[in-house]
């Protein structure tokens, strides 16, 4: 179970890295890549799987912080919605949506590490 958890954590972080990397690559032209939206969605799905694994009693040591997991889920869903809006609107994406994507991604990672 520990190996599965570690594998999912690695995949989760790779998805967030791909989402942020594709945003940085498209930052100048504001022409979003479909990979950004798919990577954010993948990160959220894997995050839900991780939360389910942590919540199984006795599967892993320690107690899950459900408040932290809920906040991370909310921010992750915001990132997914913003990424899909940007993907649909293309270069005409508003600044609030465009800059909300990396803000949500970085906030999610900061909460994961420091809270």
PDB file of N, CA and C in Angstrom:
ATOM      1  N   UNK A   1       0.826  -1.188   0.000  1.00  0.00           N
ATOM      2  CA  UNK A   1       0.000   0.000   0.000  1.00  0.00           C
ATOM      3  C   UNK A   1       0.872   1.254   0.000  1.00  0.00           C
ATOM      4  N   UNK A   2       1.998   1.171   0.672  1.00  0.00           N
ATOM      5  CA  UNK A   2       2.908   2.308   0.739  1.00  0.00           C
ATOM      6  C   UNK A   2       3.473   2.648  -0.642  1.00  0.00           C
ATOM      7  N   UNK A   3       3.797   1.607  -1.417  1.00  0.00           N
ATOM      8  CA  UNK A   3       4.321   1.853  -2.772  1.00  0.00           C
ATOM      9  C   UNK A   3       3.265   2.523  -3.649  1.00  0.00           C
ATOM     10  N   UNK A   4       2.037   2.060  -3.566  1.00  0.00           N
ATOM     11  CA  UNK A   4       0.953   2.656  -4.351  1.00  0.00           C
ATOM     12  C   UNK A   4       0.756   4.118  -3.981  1.00  0.00           C
ATOM     13  N   UNK A   5       0.783   4.410  -2.685  1.00  0.00           N
ATOM     14  CA  UNK A   5       0.639   5.782  -2.219  1.00  0.00           C
ATOM     15  C   UNK A   5       1.768   6.652  -2.762  1.00  0.00           C
ATOM     16  N   UNK A   6       3.005   6.170  -2.673  1.00  0.00           N
ATOM     17  CA  UNK A   6       4.153   6.936  -3.167  1.00  0.00           C
ATOM     18  C   UNK A   6       4.076   7.148  -4.673  1.00  0.00           C
ATOM     19  N   UNK A   7       3.655   6.136  -5.396  1.00  0.00           N
ATOM     20  CA  UNK A   7       3.509   6.261  -6.846  1.00  0.00           C
ATOM     21  C   UNK A   7       2.463   7.309  -7.203  1.00  0.00           C
ATOM     22  N   UNK A   8       1.344   7.291  -6.506  1.00  0.00           N
ATOM     23  CA  UNK A   8       0.297   8.281  -6.769  1.00  0.00           C
ATOM     24  C   UNK A   8       0.753   9.697  -6.408  1.00  0.00           C
ATOM     25  N   UNK A   9       1.537   9.837  -5.349  1.00  0.00           N
ATOM     26  CA  UNK A   9       2.070  11.163  -4.991  1.00  0.00           C
ATOM     27  C   UNK A   9       2.974  11.682  -6.105  1.00  0.00           C
ATOM     28  N   UNK A  10       3.824  10.833  -6.633  1.00  0.00           N
ATOM     29  CA  UNK A  10       4.712  11.236  -7.727  1.00  0.00           C
ATOM     30  C   UNK A  10       3.901  11.642  -8.953  1.00  0.00           C
ATOM     31  N   UNK A  11       2.908  10.851  -9.326  1.00  0.00           N
ATOM     32  CA  UNK A  11       2.066  11.184 -10.477  1.00  0.00           C
ATOM     33  C   UNK A  11       1.292  12.482 -10.253  1.00  0.00           C
ATOM     34  N   UNK A  12       0.830  12.694  -9.036  1.00  0.00           N
ATOM     35  CA  UNK A  12       0.103  13.905  -8.673  1.00  0.00           C
ATOM     36  C   UNK A  12       1.000  15.137  -8.855  1.00  0.00           C
ATOM     37  N   UNK A  13       2.214  15.051  -8.367  1.00  0.00           N
ATOM     38  CA  UNK A  13       3.144  16.180  -8.495  1.00  0.00           C
ATOM     39  C   UNK A  13       3.560  16.403  -9.943  1.00  0.00           C
ATOM     40  N   UNK A  14       3.719  15.336 -10.699  1.00  0.00           N
ATOM     41  CA  UNK A  14       4.059  15.485 -12.117  1.00  0.00           C
ATOM     42  C   UNK A  14       2.926  16.189 -12.862  1.00  0.00           C
ATOM     43  N   UNK A  15       1.694  15.845 -12.547  1.00  0.00           N
ATOM     44  CA  UNK A  15       0.557  16.514 -13.191  1.00  0.00           C
ATOM     45  C   UNK A  15       0.555  18.009 -12.888  1.00  0.00           C
ATOM     46  N   UNK A  16       0.802  18.382 -11.628  1.00  0.00           N
ATOM     47  CA  UNK A  16       0.851  19.808 -11.310  1.00  0.00           C
ATOM     48  C   UNK A  16       2.016  20.487 -12.012  1.00  0.00           C
ATOM     49  N   UNK A  17       3.152  19.797 -12.104  1.00  0.00           N
ATOM     50  CA  UNK A  17       4.310  20.369 -12.795  1.00  0.00           C
ATOM     51  C   UNK A  17       4.027  20.569 -14.284  1.00  0.00           C
ATOM     52  N   UNK A  18       3.369  19.610 -14.902  1.00  0.00           N
ATOM     53  CA  UNK A  18       3.013  19.735 -16.319  1.00  0.00           C
ATOM     54  C   UNK A  18       2.034  20.889 -16.511  1.00  0.00           C
ATOM     55  N   UNK A  19       1.058  21.006 -15.627  1.00  0.00           N
ATOM     56  CA  UNK A  19       0.077  22.097 -15.735  1.00  0.00           C
ATOM     57  C   UNK A  19       0.762  23.456 -15.632  1.00  0.00           C
ATOM     58  N   UNK A  20       1.651  23.601 -14.653  1.00  0.00           N
ATOM     59  CA  UNK A  20       2.354  24.873 -14.495  1.00  0.00           C
ATOM     60  C   UNK A  20       3.329  25.104 -15.644  1.00  0.00           C
ATOM     61  N   UNK A  21       3.991  24.062 -16.097  1.00  0.00           N
ATOM     62  CA  UNK A  21       4.936  24.194 -17.203  1.00  0.00           C
ATOM     63  C   UNK A  21       4.268  24.590 -18.502  1.00  0.00           C
ATOM     64  N   UNK A  22       3.106  24.018 -18.781  1.00  0.00           N
ATOM     65  CA  UNK A  22       2.404  24.398 -20.004  1.00  0.00           C
ATOM     66  C   UNK A  22       1.867  25.821 -19.896  1.00  0.00           C
ATOM     67  N   UNK A  23       1.511  26.256 -18.680  1.00  0.00           N
ATOM     68  CA  UNK A  23       1.082  27.645 -18.515  1.00  0.00           C
ATOM     69  C   UNK A  23       2.254  28.590 -18.785  1.00  0.00           C
ATOM     70  N   UNK A  24       3.419  28.274 -18.234  1.00  0.00           N
ATOM     71  CA  UNK A  24       4.601  29.115 -18.451  1.00  0.00           C
ATOM     72  C   UNK A  24       4.963  29.154 -19.933  1.00  0.00           C
ATOM     73  N   UNK A  25       4.876  28.019 -20.613  1.00  0.00           N
ATOM     74  CA  UNK A  25       5.196  27.966 -22.037  1.00  0.00           C
ATOM     75  C   UNK A  25       4.241  28.822 -22.864  1.00  0.00           C
ATOM     76  N   UNK A  26       3.001  28.955 -22.410  1.00  0.00           N
ATOM     77  CA  UNK A  26       2.005  29.722 -23.155  1.00  0.00           C
ATOM     78  C   UNK A  26       1.802  31.129 -22.602  1.00  0.00           C
ATOM     79  N   UNK A  27       2.576  31.524 -21.620  1.00  0.00           N
ATOM     80  CA  UNK A  27       2.335  32.802 -20.936  1.00  0.00           C
ATOM     81  C   UNK A  27       2.462  34.004 -21.865  1.00  0.00           C
ATOM     82  N   UNK A  28       3.388  33.974 -22.785  1.00  0.00           N
ATOM     83  CA  UNK A  28       3.597  35.134 -23.661  1.00  0.00           C
ATOM     84  C   UNK A  28       2.452  35.313 -24.647  1.00  0.00           C
ATOM     85  N   UNK A  29       2.001  34.247 -25.246  1.00  0.00           N
ATOM     86  CA  UNK A  29       0.970  34.342 -26.282  1.00  0.00           C
ATOM     87  C   UNK A  29      -0.450  34.168 -25.737  1.00  0.00           C
ATOM     88  N   UNK A  30      -0.569  33.641 -24.542  1.00  0.00           N
ATOM     89  CA  UNK A  30      -1.862  33.321 -23.930  1.00  0.00           C
ATOM     90  C   UNK A  30      -2.677  32.354 -24.791  1.00  0.00           C
ATOM     91  N   UNK A  31      -1.984  31.543 -25.536  1.00  0.00           N
ATOM     92  CA  UNK A  31      -2.632  30.478 -26.311  1.00  0.00           C
ATOM     93  C   UNK A  31      -2.455  29.189 -25.519  1.00  0.00           C
ATOM     94  N   UNK A  32      -3.461  28.820 -24.697  1.00  0.00           N
ATOM     95  CA  UNK A  32      -3.283  27.664 -23.822  1.00  0.00           C
ATOM     96  C   UNK A  32      -3.204  26.352 -24.594  1.00  0.00           C
ATOM     97  N   UNK A  33      -2.465  25.441 -24.011  1.00  0.00           N
ATOM     98  CA  UNK A  33      -2.312  24.104 -24.545  1.00  0.00           C
ATOM     99  C   UNK A  33      -3.371  23.218 -23.868  1.00  0.00           C
ATOM    100  N   UNK A  34      -3.949  22.290 -24.597  1.00  0.00           N
ATOM    101  CA  UNK A  34      -4.946  21.396 -24.004  1.00  0.00           C
ATOM    102  C   UNK A  34      -4.346  20.570 -22.869  1.00  0.00           C
ATOM    103  N   UNK A  35      -3.039  20.373 -22.920  1.00  0.00           N
ATOM    104  CA  UNK A  35      -2.377  19.606 -21.872  1.00  0.00           C
ATOM    105  C   UNK A  35      -2.493  20.254 -20.508  1.00  0.00           C
ATOM    106  N   UNK A  36      -2.594  21.582 -20.470  1.00  0.00           N
ATOM    107  CA  UNK A  36      -2.731  22.281 -19.194  1.00  0.00           C
ATOM    108  C   UNK A  36      -4.045  21.889 -18.515  1.00  0.00           C
ATOM    109  N   UNK A  37      -5.118  21.890 -19.259  1.00  0.00           N
ATOM    110  CA  UNK A  37      -6.416  21.530 -18.686  1.00  0.00           C
ATOM    111  C   UNK A  37      -6.442  20.053 -18.290  1.00  0.00           C
ATOM    112  N   UNK A  38      -5.887  19.207 -19.123  1.00  0.00           N
ATOM    113  CA  UNK A  38      -5.886  17.776 -18.820  1.00  0.00           C
ATOM    114  C   UNK A  38      -4.983  17.459 -17.630  1.00  0.00           C
ATOM    115  N   UNK A  39      -3.859  18.158 -17.515  1.00  0.00           N
ATOM    116  CA  UNK A  39      -2.951  17.913 -16.391  1.00  0.00           C
ATOM    117  C   UNK A  39      -3.577  18.356 -15.067  1.00  0.00           C
ATOM    118  N   UNK A  40      -4.286  19.496 -15.071  1.00  0.00           N
ATOM    119  CA  UNK A  40      -4.939  19.920 -13.830  1.00  0.00           C
ATOM    120  C   UNK A  40      -6.048  18.935 -13.444  1.00  0.00           C
ATOM    121  N   UNK A  41      -6.795  18.469 -14.436  1.00  0.00           N
ATOM    122  CA  UNK A  41      -7.845  17.485 -14.143  1.00  0.00           C
ATOM    123  C   UNK A  41      -7.236  16.180 -13.630  1.00  0.00           C
ATOM    124  N   UNK A  42      -6.136  15.756 -14.226  1.00  0.00           N
ATOM    125  CA  UNK A  42      -5.455  14.551 -13.768  1.00  0.00           C
ATOM    126  C   UNK A  42      -4.944  14.682 -12.347  1.00  0.00           C
ATOM    127  N   UNK A  43      -4.411  15.857 -12.021  1.00  0.00           N
ATOM    128  CA  UNK A  43      -3.916  16.088 -10.663  1.00  0.00           C
ATOM    129  C   UNK A  43      -5.047  16.021  -9.647  1.00  0.00           C
ATOM    130  N   UNK A  44      -6.203  16.565  -9.993  1.00  0.00           N
ATOM    131  CA  UNK A  44      -7.341  16.522  -9.071  1.00  0.00           C
ATOM    132  C   UNK A  44      -7.842  15.090  -8.887  1.00  0.00           C
ATOM    133  N   UNK A  45      -7.939  14.343  -9.973  1.00  0.00           N
ATOM    134  CA  UNK A  45      -8.405  12.953  -9.875  1.00  0.00           C
ATOM    135  C   UNK A  45      -7.432  12.129  -9.032  1.00  0.00           C
ATOM    136  N   UNK A  46      -6.147  12.290  -9.280  1.00  0.00           N
ATOM    137  CA  UNK A  46      -5.158  11.544  -8.494  1.00  0.00           C
ATOM    138  C   UNK A  46      -5.183  12.004  -7.034  1.00  0.00           C
ATOM    139  N   UNK A  47      -5.413  13.298  -6.812  1.00  0.00           N
ATOM    140  CA  UNK A  47      -5.530  13.805  -5.446  1.00  0.00           C
ATOM    141  C   UNK A  47      -6.698  13.192  -4.703  1.00  0.00           C
ATOM    142  N   UNK A  48      -7.814  12.998  -5.391  1.00  0.00           N
ATOM    143  CA  UNK A  48      -8.970  12.349  -4.766  1.00  0.00           C
ATOM    144  C   UNK A  48      -8.629  10.893  -4.424  1.00  0.00           C
ATOM    145  N   UNK A  49      -7.918  10.218  -5.322  1.00  0.00           N
ATOM    146  CA  UNK A  49      -7.487   8.842  -5.025  1.00  0.00           C
ATOM    147  C   UNK A  49      -6.560   8.802  -3.808  1.00  0.00           C
ATOM    148  N   UNK A  50      -5.661   9.771  -3.728  1.00  0.00           N
ATOM    149  CA  UNK A  50      -4.764   9.840  -2.575  1.00  0.00           C
ATOM    150  C   UNK A  50      -5.552  10.079  -1.283  1.00  0.00           C
ATOM    151  N   UNK A  51      -6.515  10.982  -1.336  1.00  0.00           N
ATOM    152  CA  UNK A  51      -7.337  11.252  -0.149  1.00  0.00           C
ATOM    153  C   UNK A  51      -8.105  10.005   0.266  1.00  0.00           C
ATOM    154  N   UNK A  52      -8.583   9.239  -0.707  1.00  0.00           N
ATOM    155  CA  UNK A  52      -9.303   8.004  -0.385  1.00  0.00           C
ATOM    156  C   UNK A  52      -8.365   6.987   0.263  1.00  0.00           C
ATOM    157  N   UNK A  53      -7.144   6.878  -0.261  1.00  0.00           N
ATOM    158  CA  UNK A  53      -6.175   5.943   0.329  1.00  0.00           C
ATOM    159  C   UNK A  53      -5.816   6.323   1.758  1.00  0.00           C
ATOM    160  N   UNK A  54      -5.620   7.619   1.987  1.00  0.00           N
ATOM    161  CA  UNK A  54      -5.243   8.079   3.323  1.00  0.00           C
ATOM    162  C   UNK A  54      -6.383   7.871   4.306  1.00  0.00           C
ATOM    163  N   UNK A  55      -7.608   7.950   3.832  1.00  0.00           N
ATOM    164  CA  UNK A  55      -8.770   7.845   4.713  1.00  0.00           C
ATOM    165  C   UNK A  55      -9.144   6.413   5.082  1.00  0.00           C
ATOM    166  N   UNK A  56      -8.544   5.429   4.438  1.00  0.00           N
ATOM    167  CA  UNK A  56      -8.818   4.034   4.783  1.00  0.00           C
ATOM    168  C   UNK A  56      -8.167   3.736   6.130  1.00  0.00           C
ATOM    169  N   UNK A  57      -8.964   3.364   7.139  1.00  0.00           N
ATOM    170  CA  UNK A  57      -8.376   3.097   8.455  1.00  0.00           C
ATOM    171  C   UNK A  57      -7.367   1.949   8.410  1.00  0.00           C
ATOM    172  N   UNK A  58      -6.186   2.200   8.933  1.00  0.00           N
ATOM    173  CA  UNK A  58      -5.157   1.178   9.025  1.00  0.00           C
ATOM    174  C   UNK A  58      -4.339   0.969   7.769  1.00  0.00           C
ATOM    175  N   UNK A  59      -4.701   1.617   6.669  1.00  0.00           N
ATOM    176  CA  UNK A  59      -3.963   1.405   5.428  1.00  0.00           C
ATOM    177  C   UNK A  59      -2.592   2.080   5.483  1.00  0.00           C
ATOM    178  N   UNK A  60      -2.556   3.283   6.012  1.00  0.00           N
ATOM    179  CA  UNK A  60      -1.310   4.031   6.137  1.00  0.00           C
ATOM    180  C   UNK A  60      -1.241   4.612   7.539  1.00  0.00           C
ATOM    181  N   UNK A  61      -0.038   4.787   8.080  1.00  0.00           N
ATOM    182  CA  UNK A  61       0.065   5.356   9.423  1.00  0.00           C
ATOM    183  C   UNK A  61      -0.312   6.842   9.421  1.00  0.00           C
ATOM    184  N   UNK A  62      -0.818   7.304  10.540  1.00  0.00           N
ATOM    185  CA  UNK A  62      -1.166   8.712  10.677  1.00  0.00           C
ATOM    186  C   UNK A  62      -2.639   8.975  10.429  1.00  0.00           C
ATOM    187  N   UNK A  63      -3.051  10.165  10.814  1.00  0.00           N
ATOM    188  CA  UNK A  63      -4.432  10.594  10.645  1.00  0.00           C
ATOM    189  C   UNK A  63      -4.528  11.583   9.500  1.00  0.00           C
ATOM    190  N   UNK A  64      -5.517  11.453   8.629  1.00  0.00           N
ATOM    191  CA  UNK A  64      -5.664  12.419   7.537  1.00  0.00           C
ATOM    192  C   UNK A  64      -6.220  13.749   8.056  1.00  0.00           C
ATOM    193  N   UNK A  65      -5.743  14.831   7.478  1.00  0.00           N
ATOM    194  CA  UNK A  65      -6.237  16.167   7.797  1.00  0.00           C
ATOM    195  C   UNK A  65      -7.321  16.497   6.765  1.00  0.00           C
ATOM    196  N   UNK A  66      -8.557  16.232   7.125  1.00  0.00           N
ATOM    197  CA  UNK A  66      -9.652  16.380   6.168  1.00  0.00           C
ATOM    198  C   UNK A  66      -9.893  17.836   5.780  1.00  0.00           C
ATOM    199  N   UNK A  67      -9.619  18.767   6.676  1.00  0.00           N
ATOM    200  CA  UNK A  67      -9.764  20.185   6.339  1.00  0.00           C
ATOM    201  C   UNK A  67      -8.776  20.564   5.234  1.00  0.00           C
ATOM    202  N   UNK A  68      -7.538  20.130   5.380  1.00  0.00           N
ATOM    203  CA  UNK A  68      -6.517  20.395   4.365  1.00  0.00           C
ATOM    204  C   UNK A  68      -6.896  19.751   3.038  1.00  0.00           C
ATOM    205  N   UNK A  69      -7.354  18.522   3.080  1.00  0.00           N
ATOM    206  CA  UNK A  69      -7.734  17.826   1.853  1.00  0.00           C
ATOM    207  C   UNK A  69      -8.914  18.514   1.164  1.00  0.00           C
ATOM    208  N   UNK A  70      -9.863  18.997   1.946  1.00  0.00           N
ATOM    209  CA  UNK A  70     -11.011  19.695   1.374  1.00  0.00           C
ATOM    210  C   UNK A  70     -10.620  21.011   0.722  1.00  0.00           C
ATOM    211  N   UNK A  71      -9.732  21.759   1.373  1.00  0.00           N
ATOM    212  CA  UNK A  71      -9.268  23.023   0.808  1.00  0.00           C
ATOM    213  C   UNK A  71      -8.472  22.771  -0.467  1.00  0.00           C
ATOM    214  N   UNK A  72      -7.621  21.756  -0.446  1.00  0.00           N
ATOM    215  CA  UNK A  72      -6.852  21.427  -1.646  1.00  0.00           C
ATOM    216  C   UNK A  72      -7.762  20.979  -2.786  1.00  0.00           C
ATOM    217  N   UNK A  73      -8.817  20.239  -2.470  1.00  0.00           N
ATOM    218  CA  UNK A  73      -9.769  19.828  -3.500  1.00  0.00           C
ATOM    219  C   UNK A  73     -10.468  21.044  -4.099  1.00  0.00           C
ATOM    220  N   UNK A  74     -10.893  21.970  -3.262  1.00  0.00           N
ATOM    221  CA  UNK A  74     -11.565  23.171  -3.743  1.00  0.00           C
ATOM    222  C   UNK A  74     -10.648  23.992  -4.652  1.00  0.00           C
ATOM    223  N   UNK A  75      -9.424  24.193  -4.236  1.00  0.00           N
ATOM    224  CA  UNK A  75      -8.470  24.958  -5.053  1.00  0.00           C
ATOM    225  C   UNK A  75      -8.152  24.206  -6.339  1.00  0.00           C
ATOM    226  N   UNK A  76      -8.043  22.882  -6.262  1.00  0.00           N
ATOM    227  CA  UNK A  76      -7.789  22.087  -7.453  1.00  0.00           C
ATOM    228  C   UNK A  76      -8.921  22.174  -8.462  1.00  0.00           C
ATOM    229  N   UNK A  77     -10.150  22.137  -7.972  1.00  0.00           N
ATOM    230  CA  UNK A  77     -11.302  22.257  -8.874  1.00  0.00           C
ATOM    231  C   UNK A  77     -11.330  23.643  -9.511  1.00  0.00           C
ATOM    232  N   UNK A  78     -10.975  24.670  -8.744  1.00  0.00           N
ATOM    233  CA  UNK A  78     -10.885  26.027  -9.308  1.00  0.00           C
ATOM    234  C   UNK A  78      -9.852  26.056 -10.428  1.00  0.00           C
ATOM    235  N   UNK A  79      -8.695  25.434 -10.209  1.00  0.00           N
ATOM    236  CA  UNK A  79      -7.649  25.395 -11.237  1.00  0.00           C
ATOM    237  C   UNK A  79      -8.145  24.675 -12.491  1.00  0.00           C
ATOM    238  N   UNK A  80      -8.869  23.583 -12.313  1.00  0.00           N
ATOM    239  CA  UNK A  80      -9.398  22.834 -13.460  1.00  0.00           C
ATOM    240  C   UNK A  80     -10.388  23.683 -14.237  1.00  0.00           C
ATOM    241  N   UNK A  81     -11.310  24.320 -13.543  1.00  0.00           N
ATOM    242  CA  UNK A  81     -12.319  25.144 -14.208  1.00  0.00           C
ATOM    243  C   UNK A  81     -11.660  26.291 -14.957  1.00  0.00           C
ATOM    244  N   UNK A  82     -10.707  26.964 -14.321  1.00  0.00           N
ATOM    245  CA  UNK A  82     -10.011  28.075 -14.981  1.00  0.00           C
ATOM    246  C   UNK A  82      -9.233  27.595 -16.201  1.00  0.00           C
ATOM    247  N   UNK A  83      -8.598  26.433 -16.091  1.00  0.00           N
ATOM    248  CA  UNK A  83      -7.825  25.910 -17.222  1.00  0.00           C
ATOM    249  C   UNK A  83      -8.739  25.557 -18.396  1.00  0.00           C
ATOM    250  N   UNK A  84      -9.894  24.985 -18.110  1.00  0.00           N
ATOM    251  CA  UNK A  84     -10.818  24.660 -19.194  1.00  0.00           C
ATOM    252  C   UNK A  84     -11.457  25.911 -19.797  1.00  0.00           C
ATOM    253  N   UNK A  85     -11.696  26.937 -18.980  1.00  0.00           N
ATOM    254  CA  UNK A  85     -12.190  28.207 -19.521  1.00  0.00           C
ATOM    255  C   UNK A  85     -11.148  28.817 -20.435  1.00  0.00           C
ATOM    256  N   UNK A  86      -9.890  28.821 -19.991  1.00  0.00           N
ATOM    257  CA  UNK A  86      -8.808  29.369 -20.819  1.00  0.00           C
ATOM    258  C   UNK A  86      -8.658  28.565 -22.100  1.00  0.00           C
ATOM    259  N   UNK A  87      -8.803  27.274 -22.010  1.00  0.00           N
ATOM    260  CA  UNK A  87      -8.690  26.419 -23.191  1.00  0.00           C
ATOM    261  C   UNK A  87      -9.795  26.729 -24.195  1.00  0.00           C
ATOM    262  N   UNK A  88     -10.984  27.021 -23.695  1.00  0.00           N
ATOM    263  CA  UNK A  88     -12.109  27.309 -24.582  1.00  0.00           C
ATOM    264  C   UNK A  88     -11.990  28.699 -25.224  1.00  0.00           C
ATOM    265  N   UNK A  89     -11.558  29.700 -24.438  1.00  0.00           N
ATOM    266  CA  UNK A  89     -11.505  31.071 -24.950  1.00  0.00           C
ATOM    267  C   UNK A  89     -10.239  31.361 -25.742  1.00  0.00           C
ATOM    268  N   UNK A  90      -9.201  30.586 -25.520  1.00  0.00           N
ATOM    269  CA  UNK A  90      -7.951  30.786 -26.258  1.00  0.00           C
ATOM    270  C   UNK A  90      -7.260  32.087 -25.880  1.00  0.00           C
ATOM    271  N   UNK A  91      -6.714  32.815 -26.869  1.00  0.00           N
ATOM    272  CA  UNK A  91      -5.964  34.043 -26.568  1.00  0.00           C
ATOM    273  C   UNK A  91      -6.825  35.169 -25.988  1.00  0.00           C
ATOM    274  N   UNK A  92      -8.140  35.076 -26.100  1.00  0.00           N
ATOM    275  CA  UNK A  92      -9.014  36.116 -25.562  1.00  0.00           C
ATOM    276  C   UNK A  92      -9.339  35.910 -24.085  1.00  0.00           C
ATOM    277  N   UNK A  93      -8.651  35.011 -23.428  1.00  0.00           N
ATOM    278  CA  UNK A  93      -8.888  34.723 -22.017  1.00  0.00           C
ATOM    279  C   UNK A  93      -8.608  35.972 -21.181  1.00  0.00           C
ATOM    280  N   UNK A  94      -9.497  36.265 -20.246  1.00  0.00           N
ATOM    281  CA  UNK A  94      -9.304  37.441 -19.390  1.00  0.00           C
ATOM    282  C   UNK A  94      -8.106  37.228 -18.468  1.00  0.00           C
ATOM    283  N   UNK A  95      -7.547  38.338 -18.010  1.00  0.00           N
ATOM    284  CA  UNK A  95      -6.370  38.267 -17.137  1.00  0.00           C
ATOM    285  C   UNK A  95      -6.676  37.561 -15.827  1.00  0.00           C
ATOM    286  N   UNK A  96      -7.873  37.761 -15.292  1.00  0.00           N
ATOM    287  CA  UNK A  96      -8.225  37.115 -14.024  1.00  0.00           C
ATOM    288  C   UNK A  96      -8.200  35.601 -14.157  1.00  0.00           C
ATOM    289  N   UNK A  97      -8.734  35.101 -15.259  1.00  0.00           N
ATOM    290  CA  UNK A  97      -8.728  33.652 -15.486  1.00  0.00           C
ATOM    291  C   UNK A  97      -7.314  33.185 -15.772  1.00  0.00           C
ATOM    292  N   UNK A  98      -6.603  33.907 -16.636  1.00  0.00           N
ATOM    293  CA  UNK A  98      -5.277  33.484 -17.059  1.00  0.00           C
ATOM    294  C   UNK A  98      -4.297  33.415 -15.889  1.00  0.00           C
ATOM    295  N   UNK A  99      -4.293  34.440 -15.044  1.00  0.00           N
ATOM    296  CA  UNK A  99      -3.352  34.442 -13.923  1.00  0.00           C
ATOM    297  C   UNK A  99      -3.893  33.693 -12.702  1.00  0.00           C
ATOM    298  N   UNK A 100      -5.165  33.339 -12.725  1.00  0.00           N
ATOM    299  CA  UNK A 100      -5.716  32.523 -11.654  1.00  0.00           C
ATOM    300  C   UNK A 100      -5.236  31.085 -11.720  1.00  0.00           C
ATOM    301  N   UNK A 101      -4.900  30.637 -12.926  1.00  0.00           N
ATOM    302  CA  UNK A 101      -4.444  29.246 -13.090  1.00  0.00           C
ATOM    303  C   UNK A 101      -3.149  28.981 -12.317  1.00  0.00           C
ATOM    304  N   UNK A 102      -2.068  29.729 -12.565  1.00  0.00           N
ATOM    305  CA  UNK A 102      -0.850  29.434 -11.790  1.00  0.00           C
ATOM    306  C   UNK A 102      -0.996  29.775 -10.318  1.00  0.00           C
ATOM    307  N   UNK A 103      -1.843  30.756 -10.006  1.00  0.00           N
ATOM    308  CA  UNK A 103      -2.063  31.093  -8.602  1.00  0.00           C
ATOM    309  C   UNK A 103      -2.688  29.906  -7.869  1.00  0.00           C
ATOM    310  N   UNK A 104      -3.681  29.288  -8.476  1.00  0.00           N
ATOM    311  CA  UNK A 104      -4.318  28.128  -7.852  1.00  0.00           C
ATOM    312  C   UNK A 104      -3.356  26.948  -7.751  1.00  0.00           C
ATOM    313  N   UNK A 105      -2.545  26.745  -8.783  1.00  0.00           N
ATOM    314  CA  UNK A 105      -1.591  25.632  -8.770  1.00  0.00           C
ATOM    315  C   UNK A 105      -0.555  25.821  -7.667  1.00  0.00           C
ATOM    316  N   UNK A 106       0.018  27.009  -7.602  1.00  0.00           N
ATOM    317  CA  UNK A 106       1.057  27.272  -6.591  1.00  0.00           C
ATOM    318  C   UNK A 106       0.454  27.245  -5.191  1.00  0.00           C
ATOM    319  N   UNK A 107      -0.754  27.789  -5.025  1.00  0.00           N
ATOM    320  CA  UNK A 107      -1.406  27.748  -3.702  1.00  0.00           C
ATOM    321  C   UNK A 107      -1.647  26.304  -3.266  1.00  0.00           C
ATOM    322  N   UNK A 108      -2.031  25.449  -4.196  1.00  0.00           N
ATOM    323  CA  UNK A 108      -2.273  24.043  -3.873  1.00  0.00           C
ATOM    324  C   UNK A 108      -0.986  23.364  -3.409  1.00  0.00           C
ATOM    325  N   UNK A 109       0.106  23.635  -4.095  1.00  0.00           N
ATOM    326  CA  UNK A 109       1.389  23.036  -3.722  1.00  0.00           C
ATOM    327  C   UNK A 109       1.870  23.590  -2.362  1.00  0.00           C
ATOM    328  N   UNK A 110       1.696  24.886  -2.147  1.00  0.00           N
ATOM    329  CA  UNK A 110       2.117  25.487  -0.878  1.00  0.00           C
ATOM    330  C   UNK A 110       1.334  24.887   0.282  1.00  0.00           C
ATOM    331  N   UNK A 111       0.033  24.714   0.105  1.00  0.00           N
ATOM    332  CA  UNK A 111      -0.774  24.105   1.168  1.00  0.00           C
ATOM    333  C   UNK A 111      -0.327  22.667   1.419  1.00  0.00           C
ATOM    334  N   UNK A 112      -0.010  21.949   0.351  1.00  0.00           N
ATOM    335  CA  UNK A 112       0.439  20.561   0.508  1.00  0.00           C
ATOM    336  C   UNK A 112       1.737  20.465   1.303  1.00  0.00           C
ATOM    337  N   UNK A 113       2.643  21.411   1.081  1.00  0.00           N
ATOM    338  CA  UNK A 113       3.958  21.334   1.707  1.00  0.00           C
ATOM    339  C   UNK A 113       3.965  21.923   3.115  1.00  0.00           C
ATOM    340  N   UNK A 114       3.330  23.071   3.303  1.00  0.00           N
ATOM    341  CA  UNK A 114       3.504  23.798   4.554  1.00  0.00           C
ATOM    342  C   UNK A 114       2.367  23.639   5.570  1.00  0.00           C
ATOM    343  N   UNK A 115       1.253  23.087   5.179  1.00  0.00           N
ATOM    344  CA  UNK A 115       0.137  22.977   6.139  1.00  0.00           C
ATOM    345  C   UNK A 115       0.037  21.559   6.645  1.00  0.00           C
TER     346      UNK A 115
END
